[in-house]
Amino acid sequence: MAFKRTDRQAPSTTLAGASHRLRAPVLVQFVKFGIVGVSNTLLTFAVYTLLLKVFGVWYLAASAVGFVVGATNGFLLNRRWTFSEHVGDPLTPLRWAIVQGGGLGINEGLLYLFVHDARLDKLLAQAVATVAVTLSTFTANRAWTFRTHPPVTVADGEM
């Protein structure tokens, strides 16, 4: 009996559908990540500016708080939209937290260098640091946090 595909079957259940999903353009994901990033950046800068200019919070602390708020927004939106093919598992939030922790470290380090060594304005320094953090966290989140294929495991007795 030959297998016949019906229109009711989702394309992802066929070999062709799986192949298309695996070839999903990185550019499309990056654009979605960028759109989410714009909302994150606006939220981060709003919190940063409010804490820095209105409440007089130390710029590195204000940046860290803003980063956490923006990153949380980013996790929720990226998980639902940018990396929607990702099925998810209980470790996804932990992987995200590790990536974002690395991003926060990069952000804080660059911000300090730009303000103290390059003598940039604190708001401009934050904007420049955001570019580097966006590229690094996109790469890590796509490859690890929201990967669409499970990691390869070796079964007992195989090797």
C-alpha atoms as a PDB file:
ATOM      1  CA  MET A   1       0.000   0.000   0.000  1.00  0.00           C
ATOM      2  CA  ALA A   2       1.483   3.315  -1.070  1.00  0.00           C
ATOM      3  CA  PHE A   3       1.518   6.260   1.330  1.00  0.00           C
ATOM      4  CA  LYS A   4      -0.565   9.143   0.074  1.00  0.00           C
ATOM      5  CA  ARG A   5      -0.390  12.576   1.671  1.00  0.00           C
ATOM      6  CA  THR A   6      -3.683  14.305   2.276  1.00  0.00           C
ATOM      7  CA  ASP A   7      -4.168  18.056   2.568  1.00  0.00           C
ATOM      8  CA  ARG A   8      -5.095  17.658   6.224  1.00  0.00           C
ATOM      9  CA  GLN A   9      -1.552  16.606   7.115  1.00  0.00           C
ATOM     10  CA  ALA A  10       0.713  19.370   8.343  1.00  0.00           C
ATOM     11  CA  PRO A  11       3.714  19.892   6.058  1.00  0.00           C
ATOM     12  CA  SER A  12       6.051  19.439   9.026  1.00  0.00           C
ATOM     13  CA  THR A  13       5.011  15.781   9.313  1.00  0.00           C
ATOM     14  CA  THR A  14       6.452  14.977   5.891  1.00  0.00           C
ATOM     15  CA  LEU A  15      10.074  14.657   4.932  1.00  0.00           C
ATOM     16  CA  ALA A  16       9.786  17.767   2.751  1.00  0.00           C
ATOM     17  CA  GLY A  17       8.198  19.715   5.601  1.00  0.00           C
ATOM     18  CA  ALA A  18      10.928  18.657   8.007  1.00  0.00           C
ATOM     19  CA  SER A  19      13.579  19.605   5.470  1.00  0.00           C
ATOM     20  CA  HIS A  20      12.017  23.049   4.993  1.00  0.00           C
ATOM     21  CA  ARG A  21      11.869  23.580   8.766  1.00  0.00           C
ATOM     22  CA  LEU A  22      15.542  22.667   9.110  1.00  0.00           C
ATOM     23  CA  ARG A  23      16.391  25.198   6.390  1.00  0.00           C
ATOM     24  CA  ALA A  24      14.391  27.971   8.084  1.00  0.00           C
ATOM     25  CA  PRO A  25      16.300  31.098   7.194  1.00  0.00           C
ATOM     26  CA  VAL A  26      18.469  32.453   9.928  1.00  0.00           C
ATOM     27  CA  LEU A  27      17.780  35.902   8.502  1.00  0.00           C
ATOM     28  CA  VAL A  28      14.036  35.628   9.232  1.00  0.00           C
ATOM     29  CA  GLN A  29      14.760  34.596  12.804  1.00  0.00           C
ATOM     30  CA  PHE A  30      17.297  37.393  13.153  1.00  0.00           C
ATOM     31  CA  VAL A  31      14.766  39.955  11.890  1.00  0.00           C
ATOM     32  CA  LYS A  32      12.159  38.663  14.358  1.00  0.00           C
ATOM     33  CA  PHE A  33      14.805  38.702  17.085  1.00  0.00           C
ATOM     34  CA  GLY A  34      15.556  42.296  16.084  1.00  0.00           C
ATOM     35  CA  ILE A  35      11.898  43.332  16.280  1.00  0.00           C
ATOM     36  CA  VAL A  36      11.618  41.772  19.724  1.00  0.00           C
ATOM     37  CA  GLY A  37      14.932  43.432  20.525  1.00  0.00           C
ATOM     38  CA  VAL A  38      13.519  46.852  19.688  1.00  0.00           C
ATOM     39  CA  SER A  39      10.804  46.353  22.298  1.00  0.00           C
ATOM     40  CA  ASN A  40      13.412  45.048  24.753  1.00  0.00           C
ATOM     41  CA  THR A  41      15.688  47.990  24.058  1.00  0.00           C
ATOM     42  CA  LEU A  42      12.902  50.542  24.501  1.00  0.00           C
ATOM     43  CA  LEU A  43      11.899  48.897  27.759  1.00  0.00           C
ATOM     44  CA  THR A  44      15.510  48.590  28.943  1.00  0.00           C
ATOM     45  CA  PHE A  45      16.305  52.221  28.083  1.00  0.00           C
ATOM     46  CA  ALA A  46      13.095  53.461  29.712  1.00  0.00           C
ATOM     47  CA  VAL A  47      13.939  51.667  32.970  1.00  0.00           C
ATOM     48  CA  TYR A  48      17.638  52.666  32.730  1.00  0.00           C
ATOM     49  CA  THR A  49      16.862  56.329  32.054  1.00  0.00           C
ATOM     50  CA  LEU A  50      14.204  56.494  34.763  1.00  0.00           C
ATOM     51  CA  LEU A  51      16.501  54.946  37.368  1.00  0.00           C
ATOM     52  CA  LEU A  52      19.543  56.968  36.254  1.00  0.00           C
ATOM     53  CA  LYS A  53      18.014  60.406  35.667  1.00  0.00           C
ATOM     54  CA  VAL A  54      14.964  60.486  37.941  1.00  0.00           C
ATOM     55  CA  PHE A  55      16.027  58.350  40.896  1.00  0.00           C
ATOM     56  CA  GLY A  56      19.800  58.895  40.714  1.00  0.00           C
ATOM     57  CA  VAL A  57      20.651  55.174  40.738  1.00  0.00           C
ATOM     58  CA  TRP A  58      24.301  54.317  39.953  1.00  0.00           C
ATOM     59  CA  TYR A  59      24.560  53.760  36.186  1.00  0.00           C
ATOM     60  CA  LEU A  60      25.787  50.144  36.375  1.00  0.00           C
ATOM     61  CA  ALA A  61      22.988  49.156  38.785  1.00  0.00           C
ATOM     62  CA  ALA A  62      20.398  50.993  36.676  1.00  0.00           C
ATOM     63  CA  SER A  63      21.697  49.197  33.589  1.00  0.00           C
ATOM     64  CA  ALA A  64      21.501  45.796  35.280  1.00  0.00           C
ATOM     65  CA  VAL A  65      17.898  46.342  36.386  1.00  0.00           C
ATOM     66  CA  GLY A  66      16.917  47.600  32.924  1.00  0.00           C
ATOM     67  CA  PHE A  67      18.688  44.642  31.323  1.00  0.00           C
ATOM     68  CA  VAL A  68      16.789  42.113  33.442  1.00  0.00           C
ATOM     69  CA  VAL A  69      13.435  43.758  32.627  1.00  0.00           C
ATOM     70  CA  GLY A  70      14.202  43.844  28.899  1.00  0.00           C
ATOM     71  CA  ALA A  71      15.617  40.320  28.880  1.00  0.00           C
ATOM     72  CA  THR A  72      12.523  38.914  30.575  1.00  0.00           C
ATOM     73  CA  ASN A  73      10.342  40.599  27.960  1.00  0.00           C
ATOM     74  CA  GLY A  74      12.628  39.145  25.287  1.00  0.00           C
ATOM     75  CA  PHE A  75      12.402  35.609  26.628  1.00  0.00           C
ATOM     76  CA  LEU A  76       8.625  35.647  26.608  1.00  0.00           C
ATOM     77  CA  LEU A  77       8.336  37.147  23.105  1.00  0.00           C
ATOM     78  CA  ASN A  78      11.167  35.143  21.531  1.00  0.00           C
ATOM     79  CA  ARG A  79       9.909  31.868  22.938  1.00  0.00           C
ATOM     80  CA  ARG A  80       6.434  32.502  21.564  1.00  0.00           C
ATOM     81  CA  TRP A  81       7.282  34.125  18.208  1.00  0.00           C
ATOM     82  CA  THR A  82      10.925  34.181  17.048  1.00  0.00           C
ATOM     83  CA  PHE A  83      11.739  30.603  18.005  1.00  0.00           C
ATOM     84  CA  SER A  84       8.184  29.240  17.870  1.00  0.00           C
ATOM     85  CA  GLU A  85       9.414  25.945  16.361  1.00  0.00           C
ATOM     86  CA  HIS A  86      11.180  25.253  19.626  1.00  0.00           C
ATOM     87  CA  VAL A  87       9.186  22.706  21.594  1.00  0.00           C
ATOM     88  CA  GLY A  88      10.765  23.619  24.895  1.00  0.00           C
ATOM     89  CA  ASP A  89      11.754  21.610  27.911  1.00  0.00           C
ATOM     90  CA  PRO A  90      12.170  22.312  31.610  1.00  0.00           C
ATOM     91  CA  LEU A  91      15.758  23.499  31.049  1.00  0.00           C
ATOM     92  CA  THR A  92      14.867  26.199  28.494  1.00  0.00           C
ATOM     93  CA  PRO A  93      14.459  28.941  31.138  1.00  0.00           C
ATOM     94  CA  LEU A  94      17.754  27.886  32.748  1.00  0.00           C
ATOM     95  CA  ARG A  95      19.588  28.009  29.409  1.00  0.00           C
ATOM     96  CA  TRP A  96      18.027  31.410  28.768  1.00  0.00           C
ATOM     97  CA  ALA A  97      19.143  32.658  32.195  1.00  0.00           C
ATOM     98  CA  ILE A  98      22.700  31.497  31.532  1.00  0.00           C
ATOM     99  CA  VAL A  99      22.799  33.209  28.113  1.00  0.00           C
ATOM    100  CA  GLN A 100      21.285  36.390  29.516  1.00  0.00           C
ATOM    101  CA  GLY A 101      23.702  36.305  32.453  1.00  0.00           C
ATOM    102  CA  GLY A 102      26.542  36.209  29.936  1.00  0.00           C
ATOM    103  CA  GLY A 103      24.884  39.030  28.016  1.00  0.00           C
ATOM    104  CA  LEU A 104      24.559  41.048  31.198  1.00  0.00           C
ATOM    105  CA  GLY A 105      28.265  40.498  31.924  1.00  0.00           C
ATOM    106  CA  ILE A 106      29.211  41.661  28.427  1.00  0.00           C
ATOM    107  CA  ASN A 107      26.860  44.637  28.757  1.00  0.00           C
ATOM    108  CA  GLU A 108      28.207  45.728  32.135  1.00  0.00           C
ATOM    109  CA  GLY A 109      31.840  45.270  31.078  1.00  0.00           C
ATOM    110  CA  LEU A 110      31.420  47.243  27.868  1.00  0.00           C
ATOM    111  CA  LEU A 111      29.383  49.933  29.594  1.00  0.00           C
ATOM    112  CA  TYR A 112      32.103  50.414  32.199  1.00  0.00           C
ATOM    113  CA  LEU A 113      34.832  50.559  29.533  1.00  0.00           C
ATOM    114  CA  PHE A 114      32.886  52.983  27.345  1.00  0.00           C
ATOM    115  CA  VAL A 115      32.078  55.323  30.244  1.00  0.00           C
ATOM    116  CA  HIS A 116      35.414  55.213  32.089  1.00  0.00           C
ATOM    117  CA  ASP A 117      37.969  54.617  29.373  1.00  0.00           C
ATOM    118  CA  ALA A 118      36.322  56.019  26.240  1.00  0.00           C
ATOM    119  CA  ARG A 119      34.528  58.771  28.205  1.00  0.00           C
ATOM    120  CA  LEU A 120      31.270  58.264  26.321  1.00  0.00           C
ATOM    121  CA  ASP A 121      28.000  59.639  27.637  1.00  0.00           C
ATOM    122  CA  LYS A 122      26.269  56.987  29.752  1.00  0.00           C
ATOM    123  CA  LEU A 123      23.223  56.748  27.483  1.00  0.00           C
ATOM    124  CA  LEU A 124      25.351  56.549  24.318  1.00  0.00           C
ATOM    125  CA  ALA A 125      27.609  53.950  25.969  1.00  0.00           C
ATOM    126  CA  GLN A 126      24.564  51.817  26.765  1.00  0.00           C
ATOM    127  CA  ALA A 127      23.370  52.068  23.156  1.00  0.00           C
ATOM    128  CA  VAL A 128      26.751  50.923  21.798  1.00  0.00           C
ATOM    129  CA  ALA A 129      26.972  48.043  24.287  1.00  0.00           C
ATOM    130  CA  THR A 130      23.474  46.925  23.272  1.00  0.00           C
ATOM    131  CA  VAL A 131      24.655  46.184  19.721  1.00  0.00           C
ATOM    132  CA  ALA A 132      27.343  43.731  20.880  1.00  0.00           C
ATOM    133  CA  VAL A 133      25.003  42.082  23.379  1.00  0.00           C
ATOM    134  CA  THR A 134      22.264  41.658  20.756  1.00  0.00           C
ATOM    135  CA  LEU A 135      24.575  39.821  18.360  1.00  0.00           C
ATOM    136  CA  SER A 136      26.044  37.550  21.015  1.00  0.00           C
ATOM    137  CA  THR A 137      22.758  36.647  22.709  1.00  0.00           C
ATOM    138  CA  PHE A 138      21.006  35.975  19.386  1.00  0.00           C
ATOM    139  CA  THR A 139      23.732  33.521  18.413  1.00  0.00           C
ATOM    140  CA  ALA A 140      23.683  31.735  21.764  1.00  0.00           C
ATOM    141  CA  ASN A 141      19.894  31.667  22.055  1.00  0.00           C
ATOM    142  CA  ARG A 142      19.434  30.311  18.532  1.00  0.00           C
ATOM    143  CA  ALA A 143      22.101  27.628  18.935  1.00  0.00           C
ATOM    144  CA  TRP A 144      21.384  26.550  22.496  1.00  0.00           C
ATOM    145  CA  THR A 145      18.410  28.047  24.343  1.00  0.00           C
ATOM    146  CA  PHE A 146      15.796  27.742  21.596  1.00  0.00           C
ATOM    147  CA  ARG A 147      17.350  25.033  19.441  1.00  0.00           C
ATOM    148  CA  THR A 148      14.817  23.193  17.302  1.00  0.00           C
ATOM    149  CA  HIS A 149      16.450  19.771  17.485  1.00  0.00           C
ATOM    150  CA  PRO A 150      17.222  17.768  20.606  1.00  0.00           C
ATOM    151  CA  PRO A 151      20.834  17.267  21.609  1.00  0.00           C
ATOM    152  CA  VAL A 152      22.392  14.018  20.452  1.00  0.00           C
ATOM    153  CA  THR A 153      22.621  11.477  23.260  1.00  0.00           C
ATOM    154  CA  VAL A 154      24.346   8.157  23.430  1.00  0.00           C
ATOM    155  CA  ALA A 155      22.194   5.279  24.690  1.00  0.00           C
ATOM    156  CA  ASP A 156      23.585   2.874  27.245  1.00  0.00           C
ATOM    157  CA  GLY A 157      25.735   0.251  25.606  1.00  0.00           C
ATOM    158  CA  GLU A 158      26.188   2.191  22.353  1.00  0.00           C
ATOM    159  CA  MET A 159      29.443   3.776  21.419  1.00  0.00           C
END
